[in-house]
């Protein structure tokens, strides 16, 4: 191997180790994690007979920050959370009059921009 090639290869490996990558003859900062954006989480709250539940409270809790958003189901049992950060994980559940659904996970690994979930009160 020629000395110039070794020096150039060494410079590239050093740049990579420092978190920069060669780009068009200049060194550019290496990219950070992809910004996945936001999603919406939609669904229906139903009772044991699968009938829509009006007035249930649906909770969306960020598992990292522990912040909670809530929504009250409509006359057809529907709910919708918008601007849900795709890079965070969330717990989702519904409650009404002492009944509660199972907790569902909205995962940052799920790349869907729109999630549809059914929450069944028990």
PDB file of N, CA and C in Angstrom:
ATOM      1  N   UNK A   1       0.841  -1.173   0.000  1.00  0.00           N
ATOM      2  CA  UNK A   1       0.000   0.000   0.000  1.00  0.00           C
ATOM      3  C   UNK A   1       0.887   1.238   0.000  1.00  0.00           C
ATOM      4  N   UNK A   2       0.475   2.224  -0.721  1.00  0.00           N
ATOM      5  CA  UNK A   2       1.252   3.463  -0.783  1.00  0.00           C
ATOM      6  C   UNK A   2       1.003   4.293   0.473  1.00  0.00           C
ATOM      7  N   UNK A   3       2.002   5.080   0.838  1.00  0.00           N
ATOM      8  CA  UNK A   3       1.919   5.888   2.049  1.00  0.00           C
ATOM      9  C   UNK A   3       0.732   6.844   2.027  1.00  0.00           C
ATOM     10  N   UNK A   4       0.444   7.497   0.887  1.00  0.00           N
ATOM     11  CA  UNK A   4      -0.673   8.441   0.781  1.00  0.00           C
ATOM     12  C   UNK A   4      -2.015   7.788   1.052  1.00  0.00           C
ATOM     13  N   UNK A   5      -2.195   6.540   0.579  1.00  0.00           N
ATOM     14  CA  UNK A   5      -3.442   5.812   0.807  1.00  0.00           C
ATOM     15  C   UNK A   5      -3.584   5.482   2.286  1.00  0.00           C
ATOM     16  N   UNK A   6      -2.496   5.076   2.917  1.00  0.00           N
ATOM     17  CA  UNK A   6      -2.533   4.758   4.352  1.00  0.00           C
ATOM     18  C   UNK A   6      -2.883   5.988   5.181  1.00  0.00           C
ATOM     19  N   UNK A   7      -2.290   7.119   4.843  1.00  0.00           N
ATOM     20  CA  UNK A   7      -2.574   8.352   5.571  1.00  0.00           C
ATOM     21  C   UNK A   7      -4.033   8.752   5.383  1.00  0.00           C
ATOM     22  N   UNK A   8      -4.538   8.657   4.148  1.00  0.00           N
ATOM     23  CA  UNK A   8      -5.936   9.017   3.879  1.00  0.00           C
ATOM     24  C   UNK A   8      -6.889   8.086   4.617  1.00  0.00           C
ATOM     25  N   UNK A   9      -6.582   6.781   4.597  1.00  0.00           N
ATOM     26  CA  UNK A   9      -7.427   5.821   5.302  1.00  0.00           C
ATOM     27  C   UNK A   9      -7.396   6.093   6.799  1.00  0.00           C
ATOM     28  N   UNK A  10      -6.229   6.404   7.321  1.00  0.00           N
ATOM     29  CA  UNK A  10      -6.116   6.725   8.746  1.00  0.00           C
ATOM     30  C   UNK A  10      -6.915   7.957   9.113  1.00  0.00           C
ATOM     31  N   UNK A  11      -6.912   8.953   8.236  1.00  0.00           N
ATOM     32  CA  UNK A  11      -7.675  10.182   8.497  1.00  0.00           C
ATOM     33  C   UNK A  11      -9.173   9.902   8.508  1.00  0.00           C
ATOM     34  N   UNK A  12      -9.630   9.034   7.586  1.00  0.00           N
ATOM     35  CA  UNK A  12     -11.054   8.686   7.537  1.00  0.00           C
ATOM     36  C   UNK A  12     -11.454   7.946   8.811  1.00  0.00           C
ATOM     37  N   UNK A  13     -10.651   6.960   9.232  1.00  0.00           N
ATOM     38  CA  UNK A  13     -10.981   6.219  10.454  1.00  0.00           C
ATOM     39  C   UNK A  13     -10.950   7.112  11.692  1.00  0.00           C
ATOM     40  N   UNK A  14     -10.012   8.040  11.751  1.00  0.00           N
ATOM     41  CA  UNK A  14      -9.955   8.989  12.858  1.00  0.00           C
ATOM     42  C   UNK A  14     -11.192   9.878  12.869  1.00  0.00           C
ATOM     43  N   UNK A  15     -11.590  10.347  11.670  1.00  0.00           N
ATOM     44  CA  UNK A  15     -12.787  11.189  11.566  1.00  0.00           C
ATOM     45  C   UNK A  15     -14.018  10.428  12.032  1.00  0.00           C
ATOM     46  N   UNK A  16     -14.145   9.167  11.620  1.00  0.00           N
ATOM     47  CA  UNK A  16     -15.292   8.361  12.045  1.00  0.00           C
ATOM     48  C   UNK A  16     -15.293   8.168  13.558  1.00  0.00           C
ATOM     49  N   UNK A  17     -14.139   7.939  14.128  1.00  0.00           N
ATOM     50  CA  UNK A  17     -14.035   7.753  15.576  1.00  0.00           C
ATOM     51  C   UNK A  17     -14.421   9.021  16.333  1.00  0.00           C
ATOM     52  N   UNK A  18     -14.203  10.171  15.717  1.00  0.00           N
ATOM     53  CA  UNK A  18     -14.542  11.448  16.353  1.00  0.00           C
ATOM     54  C   UNK A  18     -15.990  11.861  16.104  1.00  0.00           C
ATOM     55  N   UNK A  19     -16.731  11.045  15.351  1.00  0.00           N
ATOM     56  CA  UNK A  19     -18.143  11.344  15.117  1.00  0.00           C
ATOM     57  C   UNK A  19     -18.404  12.220  13.922  1.00  0.00           C
ATOM     58  N   UNK A  20     -17.456  12.298  13.002  1.00  0.00           N
ATOM     59  CA  UNK A  20     -17.688  13.034  11.772  1.00  0.00           C
ATOM     60  C   UNK A  20     -17.423  12.102  10.598  1.00  0.00           C
ATOM     61  N   UNK A  21     -18.067  12.369   9.491  1.00  0.00           N
ATOM     62  CA  UNK A  21     -17.870  11.537   8.313  1.00  0.00           C
ATOM     63  C   UNK A  21     -17.456  12.407   7.146  1.00  0.00           C
ATOM     64  N   UNK A  22     -16.574  11.874   6.296  1.00  0.00           N
ATOM     65  CA  UNK A  22     -16.162  12.670   5.144  1.00  0.00           C
ATOM     66  C   UNK A  22     -17.337  12.877   4.208  1.00  0.00           C
ATOM     67  N   UNK A  23     -17.503  14.102   3.728  1.00  0.00           N
ATOM     68  CA  UNK A  23     -18.610  14.408   2.825  1.00  0.00           C
ATOM     69  C   UNK A  23     -18.135  15.439   1.821  1.00  0.00           C
ATOM     70  N   UNK A  24     -17.986  15.019   0.573  1.00  0.00           N
ATOM     71  CA  UNK A  24     -17.614  15.957  -0.481  1.00  0.00           C
ATOM     72  C   UNK A  24     -16.296  16.663  -0.220  1.00  0.00           C
ATOM     73  N   UNK A  25     -15.323  15.961   0.386  1.00  0.00           N
ATOM     74  CA  UNK A  25     -14.018  16.558   0.613  1.00  0.00           C
ATOM     75  C   UNK A  25     -13.913  17.331   1.921  1.00  0.00           C
ATOM     76  N   UNK A  26     -15.039  17.561   2.606  1.00  0.00           N
ATOM     77  CA  UNK A  26     -14.988  18.230   3.905  1.00  0.00           C
ATOM     78  C   UNK A  26     -15.593  17.305   4.941  1.00  0.00           C
ATOM     79  N   UNK A  27     -15.313  17.538   6.178  1.00  0.00           N
ATOM     80  CA  UNK A  27     -15.857  16.686   7.222  1.00  0.00           C
ATOM     81  C   UNK A  27     -17.154  17.289   7.740  1.00  0.00           C
ATOM     82  N   UNK A  28     -18.213  16.490   7.703  1.00  0.00           N
ATOM     83  CA  UNK A  28     -19.524  16.927   8.179  1.00  0.00           C
ATOM     84  C   UNK A  28     -19.861  16.153   9.449  1.00  0.00           C
ATOM     85  N   UNK A  29     -20.616  16.750  10.372  1.00  0.00           N
ATOM     86  CA  UNK A  29     -20.996  16.028  11.587  1.00  0.00           C
ATOM     87  C   UNK A  29     -21.805  14.783  11.240  1.00  0.00           C
ATOM     88  N   UNK A  30     -21.578  13.719  11.968  1.00  0.00           N
ATOM     89  CA  UNK A  30     -22.350  12.495  11.767  1.00  0.00           C
ATOM     90  C   UNK A  30     -23.800  12.759  12.155  1.00  0.00           C
ATOM     91  N   UNK A  31     -24.726  12.104  11.468  1.00  0.00           N
ATOM     92  CA  UNK A  31     -26.147  12.298  11.745  1.00  0.00           C
ATOM     93  C   UNK A  31     -26.534  11.726  13.091  1.00  0.00           C
ATOM     94  N   UNK A  32     -27.488  12.350  13.721  1.00  0.00           N
ATOM     95  CA  UNK A  32     -28.024  11.849  14.981  1.00  0.00           C
ATOM     96  C   UNK A  32     -29.189  10.926  14.678  1.00  0.00           C
ATOM     97  N   UNK A  33     -29.803  10.372  15.698  1.00  0.00           N
ATOM     98  CA  UNK A  33     -30.937   9.481  15.512  1.00  0.00           C
ATOM     99  C   UNK A  33     -32.009  10.158  14.658  1.00  0.00           C
ATOM    100  N   UNK A  34     -32.622   9.357  13.840  1.00  0.00           N
ATOM    101  CA  UNK A  34     -33.637   9.886  12.942  1.00  0.00           C
ATOM    102  C   UNK A  34     -34.797  10.481  13.737  1.00  0.00           C
ATOM    103  N   UNK A  35     -35.240  11.664  13.345  1.00  0.00           N
ATOM    104  CA  UNK A  35     -36.408  12.277  13.961  1.00  0.00           C
ATOM    105  C   UNK A  35     -37.634  11.631  13.334  1.00  0.00           C
ATOM    106  N   UNK A  36     -38.311  10.804  14.085  1.00  0.00           N
ATOM    107  CA  UNK A  36     -39.428  10.054  13.543  1.00  0.00           C
ATOM    108  C   UNK A  36     -40.703  10.884  13.438  1.00  0.00           C
ATOM    109  N   UNK A  37     -40.761  12.004  14.105  1.00  0.00           N
ATOM    110  CA  UNK A  37     -41.941  12.854  14.003  1.00  0.00           C
ATOM    111  C   UNK A  37     -43.023  12.473  14.988  1.00  0.00           C
ATOM    112  N   UNK A  38     -44.252  12.683  14.523  1.00  0.00           N
ATOM    113  CA  UNK A  38     -45.392  12.473  15.410  1.00  0.00           C
ATOM    114  C   UNK A  38     -46.410  11.561  14.754  1.00  0.00           C
ATOM    115  N   UNK A  39     -47.251  10.994  15.580  1.00  0.00           N
ATOM    116  CA  UNK A  39     -48.302  10.091  15.120  1.00  0.00           C
ATOM    117  C   UNK A  39     -49.617  10.449  15.794  1.00  0.00           C
ATOM    118  N   UNK A  40     -50.680   9.803  15.357  1.00  0.00           N
ATOM    119  CA  UNK A  40     -51.953   9.908  16.064  1.00  0.00           C
ATOM    120  C   UNK A  40     -52.318   8.520  16.581  1.00  0.00           C
ATOM    121  N   UNK A  41     -52.956   8.504  17.746  1.00  0.00           N
ATOM    122  CA  UNK A  41     -53.414   7.266  18.364  1.00  0.00           C
ATOM    123  C   UNK A  41     -54.930   7.384  18.465  1.00  0.00           C
ATOM    124  N   UNK A  42     -55.625   6.528  17.749  1.00  0.00           N
ATOM    125  CA  UNK A  42     -57.090   6.573  17.660  1.00  0.00           C
ATOM    126  C   UNK A  42     -57.657   5.252  18.155  1.00  0.00           C
ATOM    127  N   UNK A  43     -58.914   5.258  18.496  1.00  0.00           N
ATOM    128  CA  UNK A  43     -59.518   3.993  18.865  1.00  0.00           C
ATOM    129  C   UNK A  43     -60.932   4.122  19.362  1.00  0.00           C
ATOM    130  N   UNK A  44     -61.390   2.988  19.911  1.00  0.00           N
ATOM    131  CA  UNK A  44     -62.742   2.883  20.430  1.00  0.00           C
ATOM    132  C   UNK A  44     -62.684   2.219  21.795  1.00  0.00           C
ATOM    133  N   UNK A  45     -63.494   2.730  22.710  1.00  0.00           N
ATOM    134  CA  UNK A  45     -63.666   2.096  24.017  1.00  0.00           C
ATOM    135  C   UNK A  45     -64.964   1.307  23.943  1.00  0.00           C
ATOM    136  N   UNK A  46     -64.892   0.019  24.310  1.00  0.00           N
ATOM    137  CA  UNK A  46     -66.078  -0.838  24.262  1.00  0.00           C
ATOM    138  C   UNK A  46     -66.262  -1.532  25.601  1.00  0.00           C
ATOM    139  N   UNK A  47     -67.504  -2.007  25.839  1.00  0.00           N
ATOM    140  CA  UNK A  47     -67.788  -2.756  27.062  1.00  0.00           C
ATOM    141  C   UNK A  47     -67.596  -4.254  26.789  1.00  0.00           C
ATOM    142  N   UNK A  48     -67.960  -5.090  27.749  1.00  0.00           N
ATOM    143  CA  UNK A  48     -67.774  -6.535  27.621  1.00  0.00           C
ATOM    144  C   UNK A  48     -68.540  -7.121  26.444  1.00  0.00           C
ATOM    145  N   UNK A  49     -69.631  -6.453  26.027  1.00  0.00           N
ATOM    146  CA  UNK A  49     -70.428  -6.921  24.880  1.00  0.00           C
ATOM    147  C   UNK A  49     -69.975  -6.282  23.577  1.00  0.00           C
ATOM    148  N   UNK A  50     -68.843  -5.577  23.603  1.00  0.00           N
ATOM    149  CA  UNK A  50     -68.285  -4.876  22.435  1.00  0.00           C
ATOM    150  C   UNK A  50     -69.141  -3.710  21.951  1.00  0.00           C
ATOM    151  N   UNK A  51     -69.967  -3.167  22.839  1.00  0.00           N
ATOM    152  CA  UNK A  51     -70.741  -1.970  22.509  1.00  0.00           C
ATOM    153  C   UNK A  51     -69.919  -0.740  22.866  1.00  0.00           C
ATOM    154  N   UNK A  52     -69.993   0.331  22.057  1.00  0.00           N
ATOM    155  CA  UNK A  52     -69.228   1.548  22.350  1.00  0.00           C
ATOM    156  C   UNK A  52     -69.599   2.145  23.704  1.00  0.00           C
ATOM    157  N   UNK A  53     -68.605   2.693  24.402  1.00  0.00           N
ATOM    158  CA  UNK A  53     -68.807   3.296  25.716  1.00  0.00           C
ATOM    159  C   UNK A  53     -68.653   4.805  25.597  1.00  0.00           C
ATOM    160  N   UNK A  54     -69.720   5.524  25.949  1.00  0.00           N
ATOM    161  CA  UNK A  54     -69.709   6.986  25.940  1.00  0.00           C
ATOM    162  C   UNK A  54     -69.152   7.482  27.268  1.00  0.00           C
ATOM    163  N   UNK A  55     -68.318   8.515  27.229  1.00  0.00           N
ATOM    164  CA  UNK A  55     -67.865   9.174  28.450  1.00  0.00           C
ATOM    165  C   UNK A  55     -66.776   8.458  29.232  1.00  0.00           C
ATOM    166  N   UNK A  56     -66.120   7.482  28.626  1.00  0.00           N
ATOM    167  CA  UNK A  56     -64.982   6.850  29.297  1.00  0.00           C
ATOM    168  C   UNK A  56     -63.790   7.803  29.229  1.00  0.00           C
ATOM    169  N   UNK A  57     -62.919   7.741  30.210  1.00  0.00           N
ATOM    170  CA  UNK A  57     -61.704   8.551  30.185  1.00  0.00           C
ATOM    171  C   UNK A  57     -60.566   7.674  29.692  1.00  0.00           C
ATOM    172  N   UNK A  58     -59.900   8.144  28.659  1.00  0.00           N
ATOM    173  CA  UNK A  58     -58.766   7.428  28.085  1.00  0.00           C
ATOM    174  C   UNK A  58     -57.501   8.162  28.501  1.00  0.00           C
ATOM    175  N   UNK A  59     -56.508   7.413  28.976  1.00  0.00           N
ATOM    176  CA  UNK A  59     -55.253   7.984  29.438  1.00  0.00           C
ATOM    177  C   UNK A  59     -54.108   7.551  28.526  1.00  0.00           C
ATOM    178  N   UNK A  60     -53.232   8.493  28.214  1.00  0.00           N
ATOM    179  CA  UNK A  60     -52.017   8.236  27.441  1.00  0.00           C
ATOM    180  C   UNK A  60     -50.855   8.768  28.276  1.00  0.00           C
ATOM    181  N   UNK A  61     -50.052   7.830  28.838  1.00  0.00           N
ATOM    182  CA  UNK A  61     -48.969   8.223  29.748  1.00  0.00           C
ATOM    183  C   UNK A  61     -47.609   7.945  29.104  1.00  0.00           C
ATOM    184  N   UNK A  62     -46.776   8.984  29.022  1.00  0.00           N
ATOM    185  CA  UNK A  62     -45.411   8.843  28.530  1.00  0.00           C
ATOM    186  C   UNK A  62     -44.639   8.056  29.587  1.00  0.00           C
ATOM    187  N   UNK A  63     -44.054   6.923  29.208  1.00  0.00           N
ATOM    188  CA  UNK A  63     -43.403   6.058  30.197  1.00  0.00           C
ATOM    189  C   UNK A  63     -42.107   6.651  30.740  1.00  0.00           C
ATOM    190  N   UNK A  64     -41.512   7.584  30.022  1.00  0.00           N
ATOM    191  CA  UNK A  64     -40.265   8.198  30.478  1.00  0.00           C
ATOM    192  C   UNK A  64     -40.532   9.415  31.367  1.00  0.00           C
ATOM    193  N   UNK A  65     -41.320  10.359  30.864  1.00  0.00           N
ATOM    194  CA  UNK A  65     -41.567  11.599  31.616  1.00  0.00           C
ATOM    195  C   UNK A  65     -42.709  11.465  32.618  1.00  0.00           C
ATOM    196  N   UNK A  66     -43.522  10.419  32.468  1.00  0.00           N
ATOM    197  CA  UNK A  66     -44.705  10.163  33.319  1.00  0.00           C
ATOM    198  C   UNK A  66     -45.820  11.192  33.109  1.00  0.00           C
ATOM    199  N   UNK A  67     -45.687  12.059  32.088  1.00  0.00           N
ATOM    200  CA  UNK A  67     -46.768  13.015  31.820  1.00  0.00           C
ATOM    201  C   UNK A  67     -47.958  12.260  31.233  1.00  0.00           C
ATOM    202  N   UNK A  68     -49.157  12.722  31.584  1.00  0.00           N
ATOM    203  CA  UNK A  68     -50.381  12.037  31.166  1.00  0.00           C
ATOM    204  C   UNK A  68     -51.280  12.998  30.408  1.00  0.00           C
ATOM    205  N   UNK A  69     -51.806  12.516  29.300  1.00  0.00           N
ATOM    206  CA  UNK A  69     -52.848  13.222  28.556  1.00  0.00           C
ATOM    207  C   UNK A  69     -54.115  12.387  28.681  1.00  0.00           C
ATOM    208  N   UNK A  70     -55.265  13.063  28.658  1.00  0.00           N
ATOM    209  CA  UNK A  70     -56.516  12.312  28.751  1.00  0.00           C
ATOM    210  C   UNK A  70     -57.514  12.815  27.710  1.00  0.00           C
ATOM    211  N   UNK A  71     -58.501  11.970  27.437  1.00  0.00           N
ATOM    212  CA  UNK A  71     -59.520  12.269  26.452  1.00  0.00           C
ATOM    213  C   UNK A  71     -60.791  11.571  26.921  1.00  0.00           C
ATOM    214  N   UNK A  72     -61.944  12.152  26.651  1.00  0.00           N
ATOM    215  CA  UNK A  72     -63.219  11.533  26.989  1.00  0.00           C
ATOM    216  C   UNK A  72     -63.853  10.983  25.716  1.00  0.00           C
ATOM    217  N   UNK A  73     -64.230   9.698  25.756  1.00  0.00           N
ATOM    218  CA  UNK A  73     -64.775   9.063  24.548  1.00  0.00           C
ATOM    219  C   UNK A  73     -66.089   9.717  24.117  1.00  0.00           C
ATOM    220  N   UNK A  74     -66.286   9.767  22.816  1.00  0.00           N
ATOM    221  CA  UNK A  74     -67.466  10.400  22.215  1.00  0.00           C
ATOM    222  C   UNK A  74     -68.668   9.462  22.257  1.00  0.00           C
ATOM    223  N   UNK A  75     -69.787   9.908  21.679  1.00  0.00           N
ATOM    224  CA  UNK A  75     -71.025   9.104  21.713  1.00  0.00           C
ATOM    225  C   UNK A  75     -70.876   7.760  21.008  1.00  0.00           C
ATOM    226  N   UNK A  76     -69.902   7.643  20.113  1.00  0.00           N
ATOM    227  CA  UNK A  76     -69.669   6.350  19.456  1.00  0.00           C
ATOM    228  C   UNK A  76     -68.455   5.617  20.058  1.00  0.00           C
ATOM    229  N   UNK A  77     -68.022   6.065  21.253  1.00  0.00           N
ATOM    230  CA  UNK A  77     -66.935   5.412  21.967  1.00  0.00           C
ATOM    231  C   UNK A  77     -65.541   5.741  21.449  1.00  0.00           C
ATOM    232  N   UNK A  78     -65.447   6.686  20.525  1.00  0.00           N
ATOM    233  CA  UNK A  78     -64.171   6.989  19.876  1.00  0.00           C
ATOM    234  C   UNK A  78     -63.306   7.947  20.705  1.00  0.00           C
ATOM    235  N   UNK A  79     -61.991   7.840  20.475  1.00  0.00           N
ATOM    236  CA  UNK A  79     -61.025   8.780  21.047  1.00  0.00           C
ATOM    237  C   UNK A  79     -59.919   9.007  20.037  1.00  0.00           C
ATOM    238  N   UNK A  80     -59.173  10.112  20.231  1.00  0.00           N
ATOM    239  CA  UNK A  80     -58.074  10.450  19.324  1.00  0.00           C
ATOM    240  C   UNK A  80     -57.057  11.329  20.033  1.00  0.00           C
ATOM    241  N   UNK A  81     -55.817  10.886  20.032  1.00  0.00           N
ATOM    242  CA  UNK A  81     -54.699  11.684  20.508  1.00  0.00           C
ATOM    243  C   UNK A  81     -53.838  12.025  19.296  1.00  0.00           C
ATOM    244  N   UNK A  82     -53.552  13.305  19.114  1.00  0.00           N
ATOM    245  CA  UNK A  82     -52.703  13.728  18.003  1.00  0.00           C
ATOM    246  C   UNK A  82     -51.384  14.270  18.555  1.00  0.00           C
ATOM    247  N   UNK A  83     -50.414  14.426  17.685  1.00  0.00           N
ATOM    248  CA  UNK A  83     -49.090  14.925  18.048  1.00  0.00           C
ATOM    249  C   UNK A  83     -48.463  14.085  19.165  1.00  0.00           C
ATOM    250  N   UNK A  84     -48.500  12.763  18.974  1.00  0.00           N
ATOM    251  CA  UNK A  84     -47.872  11.824  19.897  1.00  0.00           C
ATOM    252  C   UNK A  84     -46.462  11.557  19.372  1.00  0.00           C
ATOM    253  N   UNK A  85     -45.474  11.880  20.155  1.00  0.00           N
ATOM    254  CA  UNK A  85     -44.075  11.754  19.737  1.00  0.00           C
ATOM    255  C   UNK A  85     -43.723  10.294  19.455  1.00  0.00           C
ATOM    256  N   UNK A  86     -43.247  10.025  18.232  1.00  0.00           N
ATOM    257  CA  UNK A  86     -42.932   8.655  17.834  1.00  0.00           C
ATOM    258  C   UNK A  86     -41.650   8.121  18.469  1.00  0.00           C
ATOM    259  N   UNK A  87     -40.844   8.969  19.058  1.00  0.00           N
ATOM    260  CA  UNK A  87     -39.599   8.491  19.666  1.00  0.00           C
ATOM    261  C   UNK A  87     -39.770   8.145  21.150  1.00  0.00           C
ATOM    262  N   UNK A  88     -40.995   8.259  21.668  1.00  0.00           N
ATOM    263  CA  UNK A  88     -41.270   7.911  23.060  1.00  0.00           C
ATOM    264  C   UNK A  88     -42.217   6.718  23.134  1.00  0.00           C
ATOM    265  N   UNK A  89     -42.189   6.018  24.265  1.00  0.00           N
ATOM    266  CA  UNK A  89     -43.112   4.916  24.541  1.00  0.00           C
ATOM    267  C   UNK A  89     -44.228   5.433  25.445  1.00  0.00           C
ATOM    268  N   UNK A  90     -45.420   4.860  25.276  1.00  0.00           N
ATOM    269  CA  UNK A  90     -46.588   5.308  26.041  1.00  0.00           C
ATOM    270  C   UNK A  90     -47.389   4.110  26.537  1.00  0.00           C
ATOM    271  N   UNK A  91     -48.090   4.303  27.661  1.00  0.00           N
ATOM    272  CA  UNK A  91     -49.102   3.370  28.139  1.00  0.00           C
ATOM    273  C   UNK A  91     -50.453   3.989  27.819  1.00  0.00           C
ATOM    274  N   UNK A  92     -51.401   3.160  27.394  1.00  0.00           N
ATOM    275  CA  UNK A  92     -52.726   3.618  26.988  1.00  0.00           C
ATOM    276  C   UNK A  92     -53.772   2.733  27.651  1.00  0.00           C
ATOM    277  N   UNK A  93     -54.759   3.356  28.320  1.00  0.00           N
ATOM    278  CA  UNK A  93     -55.845   2.599  28.920  1.00  0.00           C
ATOM    279  C   UNK A  93     -57.070   3.489  29.091  1.00  0.00           C
ATOM    280  N   UNK A  94     -58.209   2.833  29.373  1.00  0.00           N
ATOM    281  CA  UNK A  94     -59.471   3.555  29.567  1.00  0.00           C
ATOM    282  C   UNK A  94     -60.089   3.147  30.901  1.00  0.00           C
ATOM    283  N   UNK A  95     -60.867   4.087  31.467  1.00  0.00           N
ATOM    284  CA  UNK A  95     -61.575   3.823  32.721  1.00  0.00           C
ATOM    285  C   UNK A  95     -62.947   4.470  32.681  1.00  0.00           C
ATOM    286  N   UNK A  96     -63.907   3.810  33.333  1.00  0.00           N
ATOM    287  CA  UNK A  96     -65.225   4.413  33.544  1.00  0.00           C
ATOM    288  C   UNK A  96     -65.951   3.638  34.634  1.00  0.00           C
ATOM    289  N   UNK A  97     -66.450   4.374  35.624  1.00  0.00           N
ATOM    290  CA  UNK A  97     -67.268   3.823  36.699  1.00  0.00           C
ATOM    291  C   UNK A  97     -66.664   2.566  37.316  1.00  0.00           C
ATOM    292  N   UNK A  98     -65.389   2.638  37.661  1.00  0.00           N
ATOM    293  CA  UNK A  98     -64.725   1.522  38.336  1.00  0.00           C
ATOM    294  C   UNK A  98     -64.237   0.417  37.420  1.00  0.00           C
ATOM    295  N   UNK A  99     -64.550   0.496  36.150  1.00  0.00           N
ATOM    296  CA  UNK A  99     -64.067  -0.503  35.196  1.00  0.00           C
ATOM    297  C   UNK A  99     -62.866   0.065  34.461  1.00  0.00           C
ATOM    298  N   UNK A 100     -61.946  -0.831  34.126  1.00  0.00           N
ATOM    299  CA  UNK A 100     -60.708  -0.393  33.489  1.00  0.00           C
ATOM    300  C   UNK A 100     -60.339  -1.382  32.388  1.00  0.00           C
ATOM    301  N   UNK A 101     -59.749  -0.865  31.318  1.00  0.00           N
ATOM    302  CA  UNK A 101     -59.257  -1.735  30.256  1.00  0.00           C
ATOM    303  C   UNK A 101     -57.855  -2.214  30.603  1.00  0.00           C
ATOM    304  N   UNK A 102     -57.387  -3.191  29.864  1.00  0.00           N
ATOM    305  CA  UNK A 102     -55.985  -3.592  29.969  1.00  0.00           C
ATOM    306  C   UNK A 102     -55.129  -2.432  29.462  1.00  0.00           C
ATOM    307  N   UNK A 103     -53.915  -2.319  29.977  1.00  0.00           N
ATOM    308  CA  UNK A 103     -52.993  -1.282  29.529  1.00  0.00           C
ATOM    309  C   UNK A 103     -52.312  -1.767  28.254  1.00  0.00           C
ATOM    310  N   UNK A 104     -52.377  -0.946  27.226  1.00  0.00           N
ATOM    311  CA  UNK A 104     -51.717  -1.262  25.958  1.00  0.00           C
ATOM    312  C   UNK A 104     -50.497  -0.365  25.820  1.00  0.00           C
ATOM    313  N   UNK A 105     -49.492  -0.861  25.122  1.00  0.00           N
ATOM    314  CA  UNK A 105     -48.264  -0.104  24.912  1.00  0.00           C
ATOM    315  C   UNK A 105     -48.234   0.479  23.514  1.00  0.00           C
ATOM    316  N   UNK A 106     -47.919   1.758  23.430  1.00  0.00           N
ATOM    317  CA  UNK A 106     -47.643   2.420  22.158  1.00  0.00           C
ATOM    318  C   UNK A 106     -46.125   2.540  22.118  1.00  0.00           C
ATOM    319  N   UNK A 107     -45.500   1.736  21.272  1.00  0.00           N
ATOM    320  CA  UNK A 107     -44.051   1.605  21.269  1.00  0.00           C
ATOM    321  C   UNK A 107     -43.364   2.520  20.262  1.00  0.00           C
ATOM    322  N   UNK A 108     -42.210   3.031  20.654  1.00  0.00           N
ATOM    323  CA  UNK A 108     -41.400   3.826  19.735  1.00  0.00           C
ATOM    324  C   UNK A 108     -40.858   2.960  18.602  1.00  0.00           C
ATOM    325  N   UNK A 109     -40.868   1.663  18.761  1.00  0.00           N
ATOM    326  CA  UNK A 109     -40.424   0.755  17.701  1.00  0.00           C
ATOM    327  C   UNK A 109     -41.470   0.610  16.604  1.00  0.00           C
ATOM    328  N   UNK A 110     -42.708   0.961  16.895  1.00  0.00           N
ATOM    329  CA  UNK A 110     -43.794   0.893  15.908  1.00  0.00           C
ATOM    330  C   UNK A 110     -43.727   2.145  15.038  1.00  0.00           C
ATOM    331  N   UNK A 111     -43.498   1.990  13.752  1.00  0.00           N
ATOM    332  CA  UNK A 111     -43.286   3.141  12.872  1.00  0.00           C
ATOM    333  C   UNK A 111     -44.559   3.647  12.202  1.00  0.00           C
ATOM    334  N   UNK A 112     -45.703   3.086  12.545  1.00  0.00           N
ATOM    335  CA  UNK A 112     -46.951   3.555  11.934  1.00  0.00           C
ATOM    336  C   UNK A 112     -47.276   4.972  12.402  1.00  0.00           C
ATOM    337  N   UNK A 113     -47.680   5.815  11.456  1.00  0.00           N
ATOM    338  CA  UNK A 113     -48.029   7.205  11.768  1.00  0.00           C
ATOM    339  C   UNK A 113     -49.422   7.307  12.383  1.00  0.00           C
ATOM    340  N   UNK A 114     -50.235   6.296  12.187  1.00  0.00           N
ATOM    341  CA  UNK A 114     -51.597   6.303  12.711  1.00  0.00           C
ATOM    342  C   UNK A 114     -51.889   4.930  13.308  1.00  0.00           C
ATOM    343  N   UNK A 115     -52.190   4.904  14.616  1.00  0.00           N
ATOM    344  CA  UNK A 115     -52.511   3.653  15.293  1.00  0.00           C
ATOM    345  C   UNK A 115     -53.999   3.602  15.596  1.00  0.00           C
ATOM    346  N   UNK A 116     -54.577   2.434  15.438  1.00  0.00           N
ATOM    347  CA  UNK A 116     -55.984   2.200  15.763  1.00  0.00           C
ATOM    348  C   UNK A 116     -56.028   1.140  16.854  1.00  0.00           C
ATOM    349  N   UNK A 117     -56.667   1.471  17.999  1.00  0.00           N
ATOM    350  CA  UNK A 117     -56.647   0.593  19.169  1.00  0.00           C
ATOM    351  C   UNK A 117     -58.059   0.424  19.710  1.00  0.00           C
ATOM    352  N   UNK A 118     -58.390  -0.792  20.143  1.00  0.00           N
ATOM    353  CA  UNK A 118     -59.650  -1.024  20.849  1.00  0.00           C
ATOM    354  C   UNK A 118     -59.334  -1.274  22.311  1.00  0.00           C
ATOM    355  N   UNK A 119     -60.012  -0.539  23.188  1.00  0.00           N
ATOM    356  CA  UNK A 119     -59.845  -0.701  24.631  1.00  0.00           C
ATOM    357  C   UNK A 119     -61.148  -1.260  25.201  1.00  0.00           C
ATOM    358  N   UNK A 120     -61.089  -2.449  25.796  1.00  0.00           N
ATOM    359  CA  UNK A 120     -62.283  -3.105  26.322  1.00  0.00           C
ATOM    360  C   UNK A 120     -62.320  -2.993  27.843  1.00  0.00           C
ATOM    361  N   UNK A 121     -63.388  -2.379  28.358  1.00  0.00           N
ATOM    362  CA  UNK A 121     -63.560  -2.226  29.808  1.00  0.00           C
ATOM    363  C   UNK A 121     -63.988  -3.546  30.420  1.00  0.00           C
ATOM    364  N   UNK A 122     -63.383  -3.869  31.578  1.00  0.00           N
ATOM    365  CA  UNK A 122     -63.741  -5.107  32.293  1.00  0.00           C
ATOM    366  C   UNK A 122     -64.022  -4.808  33.743  1.00  0.00           C
TER     367      UNK A 122
END
